[in-house]
Amino acid sequence: MQFTVKTYSPGQLIHPFNFFVLSKGLNSGKLISEPCPNCYQIICLTSEDKETLELLSFCLWQSKVFYKDLVGSVIPFLRIGDLRKALHEAIEHSKNKPEIHQLSGNIQKLNELEEQYRP
C-alpha cells in the first residue's frame, strides 16, 4: 500500500483518493471532512487504500497513539514524519488480519451516529 502525506495549503490541488487529518492541537491526527490550513493531506492510489488508511488513522487517533508524538510548548503539533511512521507501523501490524476490515462498517455507523447527535 502506497500513500503520500503532504502539508495542505489553501488552493492546493485536491486528489480524488485523499483525506485530511489535523496537524495542530490536542486533536492532532483526527480525521476531518474539509481541509483547513492546519492539516495534512494523505493521498492514496486507490479507493480501497483510502478506506483502509482512514480506518487505521481513525483507530490510531481514538487510541491516542499520536499523543506521545506531540511537540510544542504552546500549541502542540504532530510532525509529518511521525504521522508517516505511525501509519506505516499500523499497516504492518494490520497485514493478514481480516478482522480489521470488518471494523470498517462498525466505525462508519459510529461516525454517522456521532454526526446525528452533534448540535
PDB file of N, CA and C in Angstrom:
ATOM      1  N   MET A   1       0.853  -1.173   0.000  1.00  0.00           N
ATOM      2  CA  MET A   1       0.000   0.000   0.000  1.00  0.00           C
ATOM      3  C   MET A   1       0.896   1.233   0.000  1.00  0.00           C
ATOM      4  N   GLN A   2       0.701   2.067  -0.992  1.00  0.00           N
ATOM      5  CA  GLN A   2       1.494   3.280  -1.098  1.00  0.00           C
ATOM      6  C   GLN A   2       0.612   4.493  -0.836  1.00  0.00           C
ATOM      7  N   PHE A   3       1.189   5.463  -0.140  1.00  0.00           N
ATOM      8  CA  PHE A   3       0.488   6.707   0.130  1.00  0.00           C
ATOM      9  C   PHE A   3       1.511   7.817   0.296  1.00  0.00           C
ATOM     10  N   THR A   4       1.027   9.035   0.173  1.00  0.00           N
ATOM     11  CA  THR A   4       1.862  10.216   0.338  1.00  0.00           C
ATOM     12  C   THR A   4       1.197  11.123   1.363  1.00  0.00           C
ATOM     13  N   VAL A   5       1.996  11.718   2.227  1.00  0.00           N
ATOM     14  CA  VAL A   5       1.481  12.681   3.200  1.00  0.00           C
ATOM     15  C   VAL A   5       2.090  14.029   2.863  1.00  0.00           C
ATOM     16  N   LYS A   6       1.233  15.032   2.676  1.00  0.00           N
ATOM     17  CA  LYS A   6       1.680  16.386   2.366  1.00  0.00           C
ATOM     18  C   LYS A   6       0.991  17.374   3.294  1.00  0.00           C
ATOM     19  N   THR A   7       1.662  18.473   3.538  1.00  0.00           N
ATOM     20  CA  THR A   7       1.046  19.562   4.286  1.00  0.00           C
ATOM     21  C   THR A   7       0.074  20.266   3.357  1.00  0.00           C
ATOM     22  N   TYR A   8      -1.143  20.467   3.821  1.00  0.00           N
ATOM     23  CA  TYR A   8      -2.158  21.115   2.990  1.00  0.00           C
ATOM     24  C   TYR A   8      -2.012  22.628   3.086  1.00  0.00           C
ATOM     25  N   SER A   9      -2.187  23.285   1.949  1.00  0.00           N
ATOM     26  CA  SER A   9      -2.274  24.743   1.927  1.00  0.00           C
ATOM     27  C   SER A   9      -3.444  25.118   1.022  1.00  0.00           C
ATOM     28  N   PRO A  10      -4.191  26.160   1.380  1.00  0.00           N
ATOM     29  CA  PRO A  10      -5.351  26.550   0.579  1.00  0.00           C
ATOM     30  C   PRO A  10      -4.968  26.788  -0.880  1.00  0.00           C
ATOM     31  N   GLY A  11      -5.838  26.349  -1.779  1.00  0.00           N
ATOM     32  CA  GLY A  11      -5.598  26.492  -3.201  1.00  0.00           C
ATOM     33  C   GLY A  11      -4.828  25.337  -3.807  1.00  0.00           C
ATOM     34  N   GLN A  12      -4.402  24.411  -2.969  1.00  0.00           N
ATOM     35  CA  GLN A  12      -3.645  23.256  -3.439  1.00  0.00           C
ATOM     36  C   GLN A  12      -4.579  22.265  -4.125  1.00  0.00           C
ATOM     37  N   LEU A  13      -4.062  21.539  -5.097  1.00  0.00           N
ATOM     38  CA  LEU A  13      -4.836  20.530  -5.810  1.00  0.00           C
ATOM     39  C   LEU A  13      -5.256  19.428  -4.842  1.00  0.00           C
ATOM     40  N   ILE A  14      -6.530  19.087  -4.876  1.00  0.00           N
ATOM     41  CA  ILE A  14      -7.047  18.023  -4.018  1.00  0.00           C
ATOM     42  C   ILE A  14      -7.223  16.778  -4.877  1.00  0.00           C
ATOM     43  N   HIS A  15      -6.538  15.720  -4.510  1.00  0.00           N
ATOM     44  CA  HIS A  15      -6.555  14.472  -5.254  1.00  0.00           C
ATOM     45  C   HIS A  15      -7.839  13.688  -4.988  1.00  0.00           C
ATOM     46  N   PRO A  16      -8.238  12.800  -5.908  1.00  0.00           N
ATOM     47  CA  PRO A  16      -9.509  12.085  -5.744  1.00  0.00           C
ATOM     48  C   PRO A  16      -9.535  11.088  -4.579  1.00  0.00           C
ATOM     49  N   PHE A  17      -8.441  10.403  -4.313  1.00  0.00           N
ATOM     50  CA  PHE A  17      -8.419   9.416  -3.229  1.00  0.00           C
ATOM     51  C   PHE A  17      -7.572   9.944  -2.085  1.00  0.00           C
ATOM     52  N   ASN A  18      -8.088  10.954  -1.407  1.00  0.00           N
ATOM     53  CA  ASN A  18      -7.344  11.519  -0.288  1.00  0.00           C
ATOM     54  C   ASN A  18      -8.271  11.809   0.876  1.00  0.00           C
ATOM     55  N   PHE A  19      -7.655  12.067   2.015  1.00  0.00           N
ATOM     56  CA  PHE A  19      -8.395  12.514   3.186  1.00  0.00           C
ATOM     57  C   PHE A  19      -7.470  13.410   3.996  1.00  0.00           C
ATOM     58  N   PHE A  20      -8.023  14.055   4.992  1.00  0.00           N
ATOM     59  CA  PHE A  20      -7.282  15.060   5.747  1.00  0.00           C
ATOM     60  C   PHE A  20      -7.287  14.714   7.235  1.00  0.00           C
ATOM     61  N   VAL A  21      -6.164  15.021   7.890  1.00  0.00           N
ATOM     62  CA  VAL A  21      -6.058  14.863   9.339  1.00  0.00           C
ATOM     63  C   VAL A  21      -5.474  16.152   9.911  1.00  0.00           C
ATOM     64  N   LEU A  22      -5.913  16.505  11.111  1.00  0.00           N
ATOM     65  CA  LEU A  22      -5.410  17.705  11.775  1.00  0.00           C
ATOM     66  C   LEU A  22      -3.941  17.534  12.131  1.00  0.00           C
ATOM     67  N   SER A  23      -3.197  18.624  12.071  1.00  0.00           N
ATOM     68  CA  SER A  23      -1.780  18.565  12.405  1.00  0.00           C
ATOM     69  C   SER A  23      -1.445  19.356  13.659  1.00  0.00           C
ATOM     70  N   LYS A  24      -2.348  20.214  14.111  1.00  0.00           N
ATOM     71  CA  LYS A  24      -2.068  21.041  15.281  1.00  0.00           C
ATOM     72  C   LYS A  24      -3.171  20.902  16.322  1.00  0.00           C
ATOM     73  N   GLY A  25      -2.789  21.054  17.558  1.00  0.00           N
ATOM     74  CA  GLY A  25      -3.731  20.994  18.664  1.00  0.00           C
ATOM     75  C   GLY A  25      -3.769  19.612  19.284  1.00  0.00           C
ATOM     76  N   LEU A  26      -4.559  19.485  20.338  1.00  0.00           N
ATOM     77  CA  LEU A  26      -4.656  18.207  21.047  1.00  0.00           C
ATOM     78  C   LEU A  26      -5.392  17.152  20.246  1.00  0.00           C
ATOM     79  N   ASN A  27      -6.102  17.547  19.189  1.00  0.00           N
ATOM     80  CA  ASN A  27      -6.781  16.598  18.312  1.00  0.00           C
ATOM     81  C   ASN A  27      -5.949  16.251  17.086  1.00  0.00           C
ATOM     82  N   SER A  28      -4.660  16.457  17.150  1.00  0.00           N
ATOM     83  CA  SER A  28      -3.786  16.127  16.018  1.00  0.00           C
ATOM     84  C   SER A  28      -3.949  14.663  15.656  1.00  0.00           C
ATOM     85  N   GLY A  29      -4.082  14.409  14.369  1.00  0.00           N
ATOM     86  CA  GLY A  29      -4.293  13.057  13.878  1.00  0.00           C
ATOM     87  C   GLY A  29      -5.749  12.725  13.640  1.00  0.00           C
ATOM     88  N   LYS A  30      -6.652  13.622  14.050  1.00  0.00           N
ATOM     89  CA  LYS A  30      -8.082  13.381  13.876  1.00  0.00           C
ATOM     90  C   LYS A  30      -8.479  13.611  12.422  1.00  0.00           C
ATOM     91  N   LEU A  31      -9.299  12.705  11.899  1.00  0.00           N
ATOM     92  CA  LEU A  31      -9.813  12.855  10.539  1.00  0.00           C
ATOM     93  C   LEU A  31     -10.773  14.031  10.479  1.00  0.00           C
ATOM     94  N   ILE A  32     -10.666  14.812   9.411  1.00  0.00           N
ATOM     95  CA  ILE A  32     -11.597  15.918   9.199  1.00  0.00           C
ATOM     96  C   ILE A  32     -12.154  15.809   7.784  1.00  0.00           C
ATOM     97  N   SER A  33     -13.373  16.287   7.602  1.00  0.00           N
ATOM     98  CA  SER A  33     -14.026  16.144   6.297  1.00  0.00           C
ATOM     99  C   SER A  33     -13.607  17.227   5.308  1.00  0.00           C
ATOM    100  N   GLU A  34     -13.346  18.422   5.790  1.00  0.00           N
ATOM    101  CA  GLU A  34     -12.943  19.534   4.929  1.00  0.00           C
ATOM    102  C   GLU A  34     -11.531  19.975   5.298  1.00  0.00           C
ATOM    103  N   PRO A  35     -10.706  20.297   4.307  1.00  0.00           N
ATOM    104  CA  PRO A  35      -9.336  20.712   4.614  1.00  0.00           C
ATOM    105  C   PRO A  35      -9.295  22.073   5.297  1.00  0.00           C
ATOM    106  N   CYS A  36      -8.268  22.267   6.100  1.00  0.00           N
ATOM    107  CA  CYS A  36      -8.020  23.537   6.756  1.00  0.00           C
ATOM    108  C   CYS A  36      -6.511  23.786   6.717  1.00  0.00           C
ATOM    109  N   PRO A  37      -6.071  25.010   7.008  1.00  0.00           N
ATOM    110  CA  PRO A  37      -4.628  25.292   6.945  1.00  0.00           C
ATOM    111  C   PRO A  37      -3.781  24.450   7.902  1.00  0.00           C
ATOM    112  N   ASN A  38      -4.364  23.928   8.971  1.00  0.00           N
ATOM    113  CA  ASN A  38      -3.616  23.146   9.952  1.00  0.00           C
ATOM    114  C   ASN A  38      -3.869  21.656   9.782  1.00  0.00           C
ATOM    115  N   CYS A  39      -3.664  21.147   8.579  1.00  0.00           N
ATOM    116  CA  CYS A  39      -3.902  19.732   8.376  1.00  0.00           C
ATOM    117  C   CYS A  39      -2.922  19.143   7.375  1.00  0.00           C
ATOM    118  N   TYR A  40      -2.875  17.834   7.376  1.00  0.00           N
ATOM    119  CA  TYR A  40      -2.098  17.085   6.398  1.00  0.00           C
ATOM    120  C   TYR A  40      -3.062  16.418   5.430  1.00  0.00           C
ATOM    121  N   GLN A  41      -2.624  16.323   4.193  1.00  0.00           N
ATOM    122  CA  GLN A  41      -3.393  15.647   3.154  1.00  0.00           C
ATOM    123  C   GLN A  41      -2.730  14.289   2.911  1.00  0.00           C
ATOM    124  N   ILE A  42      -3.481  13.222   3.079  1.00  0.00           N
ATOM    125  CA  ILE A  42      -2.968  11.885   2.827  1.00  0.00           C
ATOM    126  C   ILE A  42      -3.539  11.426   1.498  1.00  0.00           C
ATOM    127  N   ILE A  43      -2.643  11.188   0.552  1.00  0.00           N
ATOM    128  CA  ILE A  43      -3.030  10.864  -0.818  1.00  0.00           C
ATOM    129  C   ILE A  43      -2.790   9.383  -1.064  1.00  0.00           C
ATOM    130  N   CYS A  44      -3.844   8.677  -1.484  1.00  0.00           N
ATOM    131  CA  CYS A  44      -3.771   7.239  -1.746  1.00  0.00           C
ATOM    132  C   CYS A  44      -3.929   6.999  -3.249  1.00  0.00           C
ATOM    133  N   LEU A  45      -3.561   5.806  -3.676  1.00  0.00           N
ATOM    134  CA  LEU A  45      -3.657   5.470  -5.097  1.00  0.00           C
ATOM    135  C   LEU A  45      -5.016   4.899  -5.484  1.00  0.00           C
ATOM    136  N   THR A  46      -5.681   4.211  -4.554  1.00  0.00           N
ATOM    137  CA  THR A  46      -6.975   3.592  -4.848  1.00  0.00           C
ATOM    138  C   THR A  46      -7.965   3.902  -3.737  1.00  0.00           C
ATOM    139  N   SER A  47      -9.237   3.673  -4.030  1.00  0.00           N
ATOM    140  CA  SER A  47     -10.263   3.907  -3.009  1.00  0.00           C
ATOM    141  C   SER A  47     -10.148   2.896  -1.870  1.00  0.00           C
ATOM    142  N   GLU A  48      -9.698   1.665  -2.178  1.00  0.00           N
ATOM    143  CA  GLU A  48      -9.522   0.649  -1.127  1.00  0.00           C
ATOM    144  C   GLU A  48      -8.417   1.067  -0.161  1.00  0.00           C
ATOM    145  N   ASP A  49      -7.317   1.604  -0.716  1.00  0.00           N
ATOM    146  CA  ASP A  49      -6.229   2.087   0.133  1.00  0.00           C
ATOM    147  C   ASP A  49      -6.702   3.243   1.006  1.00  0.00           C
ATOM    148  N   LYS A  50      -7.510   4.119   0.406  1.00  0.00           N
ATOM    149  CA  LYS A  50      -8.032   5.263   1.157  1.00  0.00           C
ATOM    150  C   LYS A  50      -8.890   4.782   2.319  1.00  0.00           C
ATOM    151  N   GLU A  51      -9.780   3.837   2.056  1.00  0.00           N
ATOM    152  CA  GLU A  51     -10.657   3.326   3.100  1.00  0.00           C
ATOM    153  C   GLU A  51      -9.855   2.679   4.230  1.00  0.00           C
ATOM    154  N   THR A  52      -8.850   1.901   3.858  1.00  0.00           N
ATOM    155  CA  THR A  52      -8.029   1.228   4.864  1.00  0.00           C
ATOM    156  C   THR A  52      -7.241   2.235   5.693  1.00  0.00           C
ATOM    157  N   LEU A  53      -6.641   3.219   5.033  1.00  0.00           N
ATOM    158  CA  LEU A  53      -5.860   4.218   5.770  1.00  0.00           C
ATOM    159  C   LEU A  53      -6.736   5.105   6.638  1.00  0.00           C
ATOM    160  N   GLU A  54      -7.941   5.419   6.168  1.00  0.00           N
ATOM    161  CA  GLU A  54      -8.871   6.184   7.007  1.00  0.00           C
ATOM    162  C   GLU A  54      -9.204   5.404   8.268  1.00  0.00           C
ATOM    163  N   LEU A  55      -9.468   4.125   8.104  1.00  0.00           N
ATOM    164  CA  LEU A  55      -9.780   3.273   9.243  1.00  0.00           C
ATOM    165  C   LEU A  55      -8.609   3.215  10.218  1.00  0.00           C
ATOM    166  N   LEU A  56      -7.422   2.997   9.706  1.00  0.00           N
ATOM    167  CA  LEU A  56      -6.243   2.925  10.570  1.00  0.00           C
ATOM    168  C   LEU A  56      -5.968   4.261  11.248  1.00  0.00           C
ATOM    169  N   SER A  57      -6.124   5.364  10.510  1.00  0.00           N
ATOM    170  CA  SER A  57      -5.908   6.689  11.088  1.00  0.00           C
ATOM    171  C   SER A  57      -6.905   6.965  12.207  1.00  0.00           C
ATOM    172  N   PHE A  58      -8.160   6.602  11.965  1.00  0.00           N
ATOM    173  CA  PHE A  58      -9.182   6.800  12.990  1.00  0.00           C
ATOM    174  C   PHE A  58      -8.860   5.981  14.239  1.00  0.00           C
ATOM    175  N   CYS A  59      -8.453   4.740  14.049  1.00  0.00           N
ATOM    176  CA  CYS A  59      -8.111   3.881  15.182  1.00  0.00           C
ATOM    177  C   CYS A  59      -6.912   4.423  15.943  1.00  0.00           C
ATOM    178  N   LEU A  60      -5.914   4.915  15.225  1.00  0.00           N
ATOM    179  CA  LEU A  60      -4.745   5.498  15.882  1.00  0.00           C
ATOM    180  C   LEU A  60      -5.126   6.729  16.685  1.00  0.00           C
ATOM    181  N   TRP A  61      -5.982   7.571  16.115  1.00  0.00           N
ATOM    182  CA  TRP A  61      -6.398   8.780  16.834  1.00  0.00           C
ATOM    183  C   TRP A  61      -7.236   8.416  18.057  1.00  0.00           C
ATOM    184  N   GLN A  62      -8.189   7.490  17.898  1.00  0.00           N
ATOM    185  CA  GLN A  62      -9.042   7.086  19.015  1.00  0.00           C
ATOM    186  C   GLN A  62      -8.232   6.468  20.153  1.00  0.00           C
ATOM    187  N   SER A  63      -7.173   5.745  19.817  1.00  0.00           N
ATOM    188  CA  SER A  63      -6.361   5.108  20.853  1.00  0.00           C
ATOM    189  C   SER A  63      -5.264   6.037  21.376  1.00  0.00           C
ATOM    190  N   LYS A  64      -5.272   7.286  20.927  1.00  0.00           N
ATOM    191  CA  LYS A  64      -4.364   8.334  21.391  1.00  0.00           C
ATOM    192  C   LYS A  64      -2.890   8.006  21.154  1.00  0.00           C
ATOM    193  N   VAL A  65      -2.610   7.320  20.051  1.00  0.00           N
ATOM    194  CA  VAL A  65      -1.235   6.978  19.691  1.00  0.00           C
ATOM    195  C   VAL A  65      -0.422   8.239  19.396  1.00  0.00           C
ATOM    196  N   PHE A  66      -1.056   9.263  18.853  1.00  0.00           N
ATOM    197  CA  PHE A  66      -0.335  10.458  18.454  1.00  0.00           C
ATOM    198  C   PHE A  66       0.057  11.344  19.637  1.00  0.00           C
ATOM    199  N   TYR A  67      -0.518  11.147  20.813  1.00  0.00           N
ATOM    200  CA  TYR A  67      -0.213  11.988  21.962  1.00  0.00           C
ATOM    201  C   TYR A  67       1.270  11.964  22.305  1.00  0.00           C
ATOM    202  N   LYS A  68       1.877  10.807  22.190  1.00  0.00           N
ATOM    203  CA  LYS A  68       3.299  10.697  22.550  1.00  0.00           C
ATOM    204  C   LYS A  68       4.188  11.438  21.556  1.00  0.00           C
ATOM    205  N   ASP A  69       3.677  11.722  20.357  1.00  0.00           N
ATOM    206  CA  ASP A  69       4.464  12.380  19.321  1.00  0.00           C
ATOM    207  C   ASP A  69       4.239  13.883  19.245  1.00  0.00           C
ATOM    208  N   LEU A  70       3.313  14.420  20.050  1.00  0.00           N
ATOM    209  CA  LEU A  70       3.030  15.850  20.000  1.00  0.00           C
ATOM    210  C   LEU A  70       4.213  16.640  20.550  1.00  0.00           C
ATOM    211  N   VAL A  71       4.580  17.695  19.838  1.00  0.00           N
ATOM    212  CA  VAL A  71       5.668  18.571  20.277  1.00  0.00           C
ATOM    213  C   VAL A  71       5.171  20.011  20.254  1.00  0.00           C
ATOM    214  N   GLY A  72       5.867  20.881  20.959  1.00  0.00           N
ATOM    215  CA  GLY A  72       5.487  22.288  21.008  1.00  0.00           C
ATOM    216  C   GLY A  72       5.030  22.659  22.398  1.00  0.00           C
ATOM    217  N   SER A  73       5.413  23.833  22.851  1.00  0.00           N
ATOM    218  CA  SER A  73       5.095  24.221  24.219  1.00  0.00           C
ATOM    219  C   SER A  73       3.761  24.950  24.341  1.00  0.00           C
ATOM    220  N   VAL A  74       3.379  25.724  23.351  1.00  0.00           N
ATOM    221  CA  VAL A  74       2.130  26.481  23.432  1.00  0.00           C
ATOM    222  C   VAL A  74       1.024  25.762  22.664  1.00  0.00           C
ATOM    223  N   ILE A  75       1.250  25.511  21.386  1.00  0.00           N
ATOM    224  CA  ILE A  75       0.285  24.784  20.568  1.00  0.00           C
ATOM    225  C   ILE A  75       0.955  23.484  20.126  1.00  0.00           C
ATOM    226  N   PRO A  76       0.506  22.369  20.669  1.00  0.00           N
ATOM    227  CA  PRO A  76       1.132  21.103  20.275  1.00  0.00           C
ATOM    228  C   PRO A  76       0.815  20.769  18.816  1.00  0.00           C
ATOM    229  N   PHE A  77       1.772  20.135  18.154  1.00  0.00           N
ATOM    230  CA  PHE A  77       1.548  19.726  16.774  1.00  0.00           C
ATOM    231  C   PHE A  77       2.197  18.378  16.523  1.00  0.00           C
ATOM    232  N   LEU A  78       1.728  17.731  15.481  1.00  0.00           N
ATOM    233  CA  LEU A  78       2.207  16.416  15.069  1.00  0.00           C
ATOM    234  C   LEU A  78       3.093  16.596  13.844  1.00  0.00           C
ATOM    235  N   ARG A  79       4.318  16.128  13.940  1.00  0.00           N
ATOM    236  CA  ARG A  79       5.235  16.227  12.805  1.00  0.00           C
ATOM    237  C   ARG A  79       4.799  15.276  11.699  1.00  0.00           C
ATOM    238  N   ILE A  80       5.045  15.687  10.469  1.00  0.00           N
ATOM    239  CA  ILE A  80       4.633  14.881   9.318  1.00  0.00           C
ATOM    240  C   ILE A  80       5.358  13.532   9.303  1.00  0.00           C
ATOM    241  N   GLY A  81       6.602  13.507   9.716  1.00  0.00           N
ATOM    242  CA  GLY A  81       7.365  12.257   9.762  1.00  0.00           C
ATOM    243  C   GLY A  81       6.819  11.285  10.795  1.00  0.00           C
ATOM    244  N   ASP A  82       6.363  11.824  11.937  1.00  0.00           N
ATOM    245  CA  ASP A  82       5.773  10.967  12.971  1.00  0.00           C
ATOM    246  C   ASP A  82       4.450  10.367  12.501  1.00  0.00           C
ATOM    247  N   LEU A  83       3.674  11.149  11.743  1.00  0.00           N
ATOM    248  CA  LEU A  83       2.417  10.635  11.192  1.00  0.00           C
ATOM    249  C   LEU A  83       2.698   9.517  10.194  1.00  0.00           C
ATOM    250  N   ARG A  84       3.650   9.735   9.297  1.00  0.00           N
ATOM    251  CA  ARG A  84       4.014   8.695   8.326  1.00  0.00           C
ATOM    252  C   ARG A  84       4.464   7.416   9.021  1.00  0.00           C
ATOM    253  N   LYS A  85       5.317   7.575  10.022  1.00  0.00           N
ATOM    254  CA  LYS A  85       5.847   6.412  10.750  1.00  0.00           C
ATOM    255  C   LYS A  85       4.717   5.639  11.425  1.00  0.00           C
ATOM    256  N   ALA A  86       3.795   6.345  12.078  1.00  0.00           N
ATOM    257  CA  ALA A  86       2.683   5.681  12.757  1.00  0.00           C
ATOM    258  C   ALA A  86       1.799   4.937  11.761  1.00  0.00           C
ATOM    259  N   LEU A  87       1.547   5.536  10.598  1.00  0.00           N
ATOM    260  CA  LEU A  87       0.725   4.878   9.586  1.00  0.00           C
ATOM    261  C   LEU A  87       1.421   3.647   9.013  1.00  0.00           C
ATOM    262  N   HIS A  88       2.711   3.759   8.753  1.00  0.00           N
ATOM    263  CA  HIS A  88       3.451   2.595   8.245  1.00  0.00           C
ATOM    264  C   HIS A  88       3.450   1.451   9.263  1.00  0.00           C
ATOM    265  N   GLU A  89       3.635   1.777  10.543  1.00  0.00           N
ATOM    266  CA  GLU A  89       3.611   0.747  11.580  1.00  0.00           C
ATOM    267  C   GLU A  89       2.225   0.107  11.681  1.00  0.00           C
ATOM    268  N   ALA A  90       1.182   0.914  11.559  1.00  0.00           N
ATOM    269  CA  ALA A  90      -0.181   0.382  11.629  1.00  0.00           C
ATOM    270  C   ALA A  90      -0.463  -0.533  10.438  1.00  0.00           C
ATOM    271  N   ILE A  91       0.037  -0.172   9.283  1.00  0.00           N
ATOM    272  CA  ILE A  91      -0.146  -1.014   8.093  1.00  0.00           C
ATOM    273  C   ILE A  91       0.546  -2.351   8.295  1.00  0.00           C
ATOM    274  N   GLU A  92       1.755  -2.330   8.817  1.00  0.00           N
ATOM    275  CA  GLU A  92       2.497  -3.576   9.055  1.00  0.00           C
ATOM    276  C   GLU A  92       1.777  -4.473  10.064  1.00  0.00           C
ATOM    277  N   HIS A  93       1.232  -3.878  11.122  1.00  0.00           N
ATOM    278  CA  HIS A  93       0.531  -4.660  12.141  1.00  0.00           C
ATOM    279  C   HIS A  93      -0.806  -5.202  11.645  1.00  0.00           C
ATOM    280  N   SER A  94      -1.408  -4.530  10.682  1.00  0.00           N
ATOM    281  CA  SER A  94      -2.732  -4.951  10.215  1.00  0.00           C
ATOM    282  C   SER A  94      -2.683  -5.943   9.061  1.00  0.00           C
ATOM    283  N   LYS A  95      -1.510  -6.193   8.527  1.00  0.00           N
ATOM    284  CA  LYS A  95      -1.406  -7.160   7.427  1.00  0.00           C
ATOM    285  C   LYS A  95      -1.836  -8.535   7.907  1.00  0.00           C
ATOM    286  N   ASN A  96      -2.537  -9.246   7.036  1.00  0.00           N
ATOM    287  CA  ASN A  96      -3.020 -10.603   7.315  1.00  0.00           C
ATOM    288  C   ASN A  96      -3.973 -10.655   8.510  1.00  0.00           C
ATOM    289  N   LYS A  97      -4.664  -9.550   8.778  1.00  0.00           N
ATOM    290  CA  LYS A  97      -5.661  -9.514   9.843  1.00  0.00           C
ATOM    291  C   LYS A  97      -6.982  -9.027   9.250  1.00  0.00           C
ATOM    292  N   PRO A  98      -7.807  -9.959   8.747  1.00  0.00           N
ATOM    293  CA  PRO A  98      -9.056  -9.544   8.090  1.00  0.00           C
ATOM    294  C   PRO A  98     -10.062  -8.896   9.041  1.00  0.00           C
ATOM    295  N   GLU A  99      -9.938  -9.132  10.335  1.00  0.00           N
ATOM    296  CA  GLU A  99     -10.901  -8.551  11.273  1.00  0.00           C
ATOM    297  C   GLU A  99     -10.816  -7.029  11.297  1.00  0.00           C
ATOM    298  N   ILE A 100      -9.693  -6.463  10.904  1.00  0.00           N
ATOM    299  CA  ILE A 100      -9.551  -5.011  10.858  1.00  0.00           C
ATOM    300  C   ILE A 100     -10.502  -4.436   9.820  1.00  0.00           C
ATOM    301  N   HIS A 101     -10.619  -5.109   8.688  1.00  0.00           N
ATOM    302  CA  HIS A 101     -11.502  -4.608   7.632  1.00  0.00           C
ATOM    303  C   HIS A 101     -12.975  -4.781   8.008  1.00  0.00           C
ATOM    304  N   GLN A 102     -13.281  -5.720   8.869  1.00  0.00           N
ATOM    305  CA  GLN A 102     -14.661  -5.901   9.318  1.00  0.00           C
ATOM    306  C   GLN A 102     -15.094  -4.752  10.220  1.00  0.00           C
ATOM    307  N   LEU A 103     -14.130  -4.095  10.850  1.00  0.00           N
ATOM    308  CA  LEU A 103     -14.447  -2.970  11.721  1.00  0.00           C
ATOM    309  C   LEU A 103     -14.902  -1.740  10.943  1.00  0.00           C
ATOM    310  N   SER A 104     -14.576  -1.700   9.669  1.00  0.00           N
ATOM    311  CA  SER A 104     -14.873  -0.523   8.861  1.00  0.00           C
ATOM    312  C   SER A 104     -16.352  -0.158   8.892  1.00  0.00           C
ATOM    313  N   GLY A 105     -17.222  -1.136   8.705  1.00  0.00           N
ATOM    314  CA  GLY A 105     -18.662  -0.874   8.736  1.00  0.00           C
ATOM    315  C   GLY A 105     -19.127  -0.372  10.082  1.00  0.00           C
ATOM    316  N   ASN A 106     -18.598  -0.948  11.155  1.00  0.00           N
ATOM    317  CA  ASN A 106     -18.978  -0.515  12.500  1.00  0.00           C
ATOM    318  C   ASN A 106     -18.524   0.914  12.773  1.00  0.00           C
ATOM    319  N   ILE A 107     -17.342   1.252  12.331  1.00  0.00           N
ATOM    320  CA  ILE A 107     -16.831   2.601  12.558  1.00  0.00           C
ATOM    321  C   ILE A 107     -17.623   3.613  11.738  1.00  0.00           C
ATOM    322  N   GLN A 108     -18.020   3.249  10.521  1.00  0.00           N
ATOM    323  CA  GLN A 108     -18.839   4.153   9.724  1.00  0.00           C
ATOM    324  C   GLN A 108     -20.182   4.405  10.397  1.00  0.00           C
ATOM    325  N   LYS A 109     -20.778   3.360  10.962  1.00  0.00           N
ATOM    326  CA  LYS A 109     -22.046   3.531  11.675  1.00  0.00           C
ATOM    327  C   LYS A 109     -21.854   4.431  12.890  1.00  0.00           C
ATOM    328  N   LEU A 110     -20.742   4.239  13.592  1.00  0.00           N
ATOM    329  CA  LEU A 110     -20.447   5.063  14.758  1.00  0.00           C
ATOM    330  C   LEU A 110     -20.283   6.523  14.359  1.00  0.00           C
ATOM    331  N   ASN A 111     -19.599   6.785  13.265  1.00  0.00           N
ATOM    332  CA  ASN A 111     -19.426   8.154  12.776  1.00  0.00           C
ATOM    333  C   ASN A 111     -20.752   8.785  12.387  1.00  0.00           C
ATOM    334  N   GLU A 112     -21.637   7.995  11.752  1.00  0.00           N
ATOM    335  CA  GLU A 112     -22.951   8.510  11.376  1.00  0.00           C
ATOM    336  C   GLU A 112     -23.773   8.874  12.610  1.00  0.00           C
ATOM    337  N   LEU A 113     -23.720   8.032  13.635  1.00  0.00           N
ATOM    338  CA  LEU A 113     -24.426   8.326  14.878  1.00  0.00           C
ATOM    339  C   LEU A 113     -23.866   9.569  15.550  1.00  0.00           C
ATOM    340  N   GLU A 114     -22.561   9.700  15.533  1.00  0.00           N
ATOM    341  CA  GLU A 114     -21.920  10.871  16.121  1.00  0.00           C
ATOM    342  C   GLU A 114     -22.359  12.155  15.417  1.00  0.00           C
ATOM    343  N   GLU A 115     -22.450  12.101  14.093  1.00  0.00           N
ATOM    344  CA  GLU A 115     -22.894  13.254  13.311  1.00  0.00           C
ATOM    345  C   GLU A 115     -24.345  13.621  13.635  1.00  0.00           C
ATOM    346  N   GLN A 116     -25.193  12.622  13.878  1.00  0.00           N
ATOM    347  CA  GLN A 116     -26.606  12.876  14.196  1.00  0.00           C
ATOM    348  C   GLN A 116     -26.760  13.614  15.512  1.00  0.00           C
ATOM    349  N   TYR A 117     -25.900  13.330  16.477  1.00  0.00           N
ATOM    350  CA  TYR A 117     -26.045  13.898  17.807  1.00  0.00           C
ATOM    351  C   TYR A 117     -25.254  15.171  18.015  1.00  0.00           C
ATOM    352  N   ARG A 118     -24.534  15.631  17.006  1.00  0.00           N
ATOM    353  CA  ARG A 118     -23.828  16.898  17.124  1.00  0.00           C
ATOM    354  C   ARG A 118     -24.804  18.041  16.956  1.00  0.00           C
ATOM    355  N   PRO A 119     -24.633  19.106  17.754  1.00  0.00           N
ATOM    356  CA  PRO A 119     -25.550  20.253  17.631  1.00  0.00           C
ATOM    357  C   PRO A 119     -25.319  21.052  16.369  1.00  0.00           C
TER     358      PRO A 119
END
